[in-house]
Amino acid sequence: MRVVSGVCKGRALKAVPGNTTRPTTDKVKEALFNMIGPYFEGGLGLDLFAGSGGLGLEALSRGLDRVIFVDRDAKAIQTIYENIEACKMEDNAEVYRNDAERAIKALIKREIRFDYIFLDPPYKKQQLLSLMQKISEHRLLNNEGYIVCEHSHDVELPDSVGEFTQYKHEKYGIIAITIYSRFSEE
């Protein structure tokens, strides 16, 4: 597992010890960033089920200004810190140990709006629809922003959730990527 492109290209990333997380493969990472980027001129990201922090670090490497990493697993949090340090991105990252629901509530209170939100929950406990509904209700995504959902290939997500509409959907073996954007208000 490595950073695929950008300023940290080729940097090896540690995986979370044990089998509680499944890192996004380099092939899938490359494909999903090609759909939403592939590079950015600033912006704020949220890596909500961060695991090793691979998606958020890829986004920072490709030009996001800042990423907030959230995971509830202590081993994941330690791995995120180690990977952020290896990429020398300490000044561009915030890391929190929290579950997704509580993290969303905390972000609502901070009145933060994101340009990119990465949702990669454990496949057995899909929370994508309820989380996207909350993100929509509380307007946590900027107008030109994207929500990137990584999920099992056999999970079919709706064409729209709240104020978001499906922008792209691709399958890569047992993994699927579904990307949503905000409905145009014009």
Protein backbone atom coordinates (compact mmCIF):
# COMPACT_ATOMS: atom_id res chain seq x y z
CA MET A 1 0.00 0.00 0.00
CA ARG A 2 1.42 3.36 -1.02
CA VAL A 3 0.56 6.92 -2.01
CA VAL A 4 -0.19 6.67 -5.72
CA SER A 5 0.38 10.24 -6.93
CA GLY A 6 1.19 13.81 -5.94
CA VAL A 7 3.87 15.21 -3.62
CA CYS A 8 4.08 11.98 -1.59
CA LYS A 9 4.01 9.68 -4.63
CA GLY A 10 5.47 6.25 -3.91
CA ARG A 11 5.55 6.72 -0.12
CA ALA A 12 4.80 3.38 1.54
CA LEU A 13 1.89 3.41 4.00
CA LYS A 14 1.49 1.08 6.95
CA ALA A 15 -1.63 -1.03 7.21
CA VAL A 16 -3.63 -1.27 10.43
CA PRO A 17 -2.45 -4.37 12.35
CA GLY A 18 -4.96 -7.23 12.43
CA ASN A 19 -7.86 -7.90 10.11
CA THR A 20 -10.41 -5.32 11.28
CA THR A 21 -9.77 -2.94 8.36
CA ARG A 22 -9.42 -3.50 4.64
CA PRO A 23 -7.23 -0.89 2.94
CA THR A 24 -8.31 0.57 -0.39
CA THR A 25 -6.10 -0.96 -3.06
CA ASP A 26 -3.78 1.28 -5.07
CA LYS A 27 -5.73 0.42 -8.25
CA VAL A 28 -9.05 1.52 -6.73
CA LYS A 29 -7.45 4.65 -5.20
CA GLU A 30 -6.03 5.66 -8.58
CA ALA A 31 -9.40 5.12 -10.28
CA LEU A 32 -11.44 7.05 -7.71
CA PHE A 33 -9.10 10.05 -7.70
CA ASN A 34 -9.17 10.11 -11.49
CA MET A 35 -12.97 10.43 -11.22
CA ILE A 36 -12.93 13.41 -8.81
CA GLY A 37 -9.56 15.07 -9.54
CA PRO A 38 -7.08 13.81 -10.18
CA TYR A 39 -5.38 16.79 -8.49
CA PHE A 40 -6.76 19.57 -6.32
CA GLU A 41 -6.06 23.23 -5.79
CA GLY A 42 -6.73 23.30 -2.08
CA GLY A 43 -9.82 22.31 -0.19
CA LEU A 44 -10.89 20.43 2.92
CA GLY A 45 -11.48 16.69 3.14
CA LEU A 46 -13.03 14.29 5.64
CA ASP A 47 -11.84 10.68 5.80
CA LEU A 48 -14.60 9.32 8.06
CA PHE A 49 -13.71 5.62 8.36
CA ALA A 50 -10.04 6.37 7.90
CA GLY A 51 -8.44 3.01 8.74
CA SER A 52 -4.79 3.58 7.79
CA GLY A 53 -5.57 7.07 6.45
CA GLY A 54 -4.77 6.07 2.86
CA LEU A 55 -7.60 7.98 1.17
CA GLY A 56 -7.06 11.17 3.14
CA LEU A 57 -3.31 11.07 2.62
CA GLU A 58 -3.78 10.47 -1.10
CA ALA A 59 -6.04 13.56 -1.18
CA LEU A 60 -3.43 15.64 0.69
CA SER A 61 -0.69 14.40 -1.63
CA ARG A 62 -2.81 15.47 -4.60
CA GLY A 63 -3.35 19.00 -3.29
CA LEU A 64 -6.02 19.25 -0.59
CA ASP A 65 -5.05 21.79 2.11
CA ARG A 66 -6.33 19.81 5.07
CA VAL A 67 -7.99 16.50 5.93
CA ILE A 68 -9.79 15.45 9.08
CA PHE A 69 -9.27 11.73 9.78
CA VAL A 70 -11.76 9.84 11.97
CA ASP A 71 -11.73 6.22 13.08
CA ARG A 72 -12.97 4.52 16.23
CA ASP A 73 -10.22 1.87 16.40
CA ALA A 74 -7.16 2.69 18.56
CA LYS A 75 -4.81 0.70 16.28
CA ALA A 76 -6.15 2.61 13.27
CA ILE A 77 -5.56 5.96 14.98
CA GLN A 78 -1.96 4.99 15.79
CA THR A 79 -1.42 3.86 12.18
CA ILE A 80 -2.92 7.12 10.83
CA TYR A 81 -0.51 9.17 12.96
CA GLU A 82 2.45 7.06 11.74
CA ASN A 83 1.40 7.44 8.08
CA ILE A 84 0.83 11.19 8.43
CA GLU A 85 4.30 11.52 9.94
CA ALA A 86 5.86 9.38 7.18
CA CYS A 87 4.27 11.70 4.60
CA LYS A 88 5.28 14.82 6.57
CA MET A 89 1.67 16.03 6.58
CA GLU A 90 1.31 16.77 10.31
CA ASP A 91 0.41 20.42 9.65
CA ASN A 92 -2.37 19.40 7.23
CA ALA A 93 -4.18 16.82 9.33
CA GLU A 94 -6.51 16.51 12.30
CA VAL A 95 -7.04 13.02 13.73
CA TYR A 96 -9.90 11.97 16.02
CA ARG A 97 -10.80 8.68 17.63
CA ASN A 98 -14.57 8.60 17.43
CA ASP A 99 -17.41 6.69 15.82
CA ALA A 100 -18.93 8.14 12.66
CA GLU A 101 -22.23 9.32 14.20
CA ARG A 102 -20.55 11.22 17.04
CA ALA A 103 -17.92 12.64 14.68
CA ILE A 104 -20.66 14.01 12.40
CA LYS A 105 -22.34 15.66 15.42
CA ALA A 106 -19.02 17.26 16.44
CA LEU A 107 -18.42 18.53 12.89
CA ILE A 108 -21.94 20.01 12.76
CA LYS A 109 -21.17 21.95 15.96
CA ARG A 110 -17.92 23.24 14.42
CA GLU A 111 -19.89 24.35 11.32
CA ILE A 112 -17.30 22.87 8.98
CA ARG A 113 -18.09 22.33 5.28
CA PHE A 114 -16.04 19.91 3.23
CA ASP A 115 -15.06 19.73 -0.41
CA TYR A 116 -14.52 15.96 -0.33
CA ILE A 117 -15.95 13.39 2.05
CA PHE A 118 -14.64 9.82 1.91
CA LEU A 119 -16.97 7.17 3.36
CA ASP A 120 -15.52 3.67 3.55
CA PRO A 121 -17.43 1.96 6.38
CA PRO A 122 -17.03 -1.70 7.29
CA TYR A 123 -18.93 -3.61 4.61
CA LYS A 124 -20.91 -5.67 7.12
CA LYS A 125 -22.21 -2.52 8.84
CA GLN A 126 -23.27 -0.28 6.00
CA GLN A 127 -24.22 3.14 7.30
CA LEU A 128 -23.83 5.02 4.06
CA LEU A 129 -27.42 6.15 3.55
CA SER A 130 -28.00 7.39 7.11
CA LEU A 131 -24.65 9.19 7.15
CA MET A 132 -25.26 10.85 3.78
CA GLN A 133 -28.71 11.93 4.96
CA LYS A 134 -27.14 13.63 8.01
CA ILE A 135 -24.43 15.22 5.85
CA SER A 136 -27.17 16.53 3.55
CA GLU A 137 -29.45 17.80 6.34
CA HIS A 138 -26.62 19.73 7.98
CA ARG A 139 -25.01 20.90 4.72
CA LEU A 140 -21.55 19.54 5.54
CA LEU A 141 -20.60 19.38 1.84
CA ASN A 142 -19.73 22.46 -0.21
CA ASN A 143 -21.66 23.08 -3.44
CA GLU A 144 -18.98 21.72 -5.77
CA GLY A 145 -18.05 18.94 -3.36
CA TYR A 146 -18.14 15.16 -3.69
CA ILE A 147 -18.96 12.28 -1.39
CA VAL A 148 -16.97 9.18 -2.29
CA CYS A 149 -18.49 5.91 -1.04
CA GLU A 150 -16.53 2.69 -1.10
CA HIS A 151 -18.71 -0.36 -0.59
CA SER A 152 -19.24 -3.98 -1.49
CA HIS A 153 -20.00 -4.60 -5.18
CA ASP A 154 -23.35 -6.19 -4.27
CA VAL A 155 -24.64 -3.06 -2.46
CA GLU A 156 -26.82 -0.91 -4.72
CA LEU A 157 -27.01 2.72 -3.64
CA PRO A 158 -29.88 4.95 -4.81
CA ASP A 159 -29.58 7.58 -7.54
CA SER A 160 -30.13 10.31 -4.95
CA VAL A 161 -29.83 10.72 -1.19
CA GLY A 162 -31.02 13.95 0.41
CA GLU A 163 -29.67 16.77 -1.75
CA PHE A 164 -27.03 14.55 -3.37
CA THR A 165 -27.25 12.86 -6.73
CA GLN A 166 -25.15 9.99 -7.99
CA TYR A 167 -22.33 11.32 -10.17
CA LYS A 168 -20.42 8.09 -10.97
CA HIS A 169 -20.51 4.42 -10.10
CA GLU A 170 -17.82 1.85 -10.92
CA LYS A 171 -17.09 -1.71 -9.85
CA TYR A 172 -13.62 -3.16 -9.28
CA GLY A 173 -14.00 -6.86 -8.49
CA ILE A 174 -15.66 -7.13 -5.07
CA ILE A 175 -15.37 -3.37 -4.44
CA ALA A 176 -17.60 -0.62 -5.79
CA ILE A 177 -17.13 3.14 -5.76
CA THR A 178 -20.18 5.40 -5.87
CA ILE A 179 -19.63 9.15 -6.01
CA TYR A 180 -22.29 11.73 -5.16
CA SER A 181 -22.41 15.47 -5.70
CA ARG A 182 -24.84 18.13 -4.53
CA PHE A 183 -27.83 18.90 -6.76
CA SER A 184 -27.26 22.09 -8.68
CA GLU A 185 -29.09 24.95 -7.02
CA GLU A 186 -29.17 27.05 -10.18
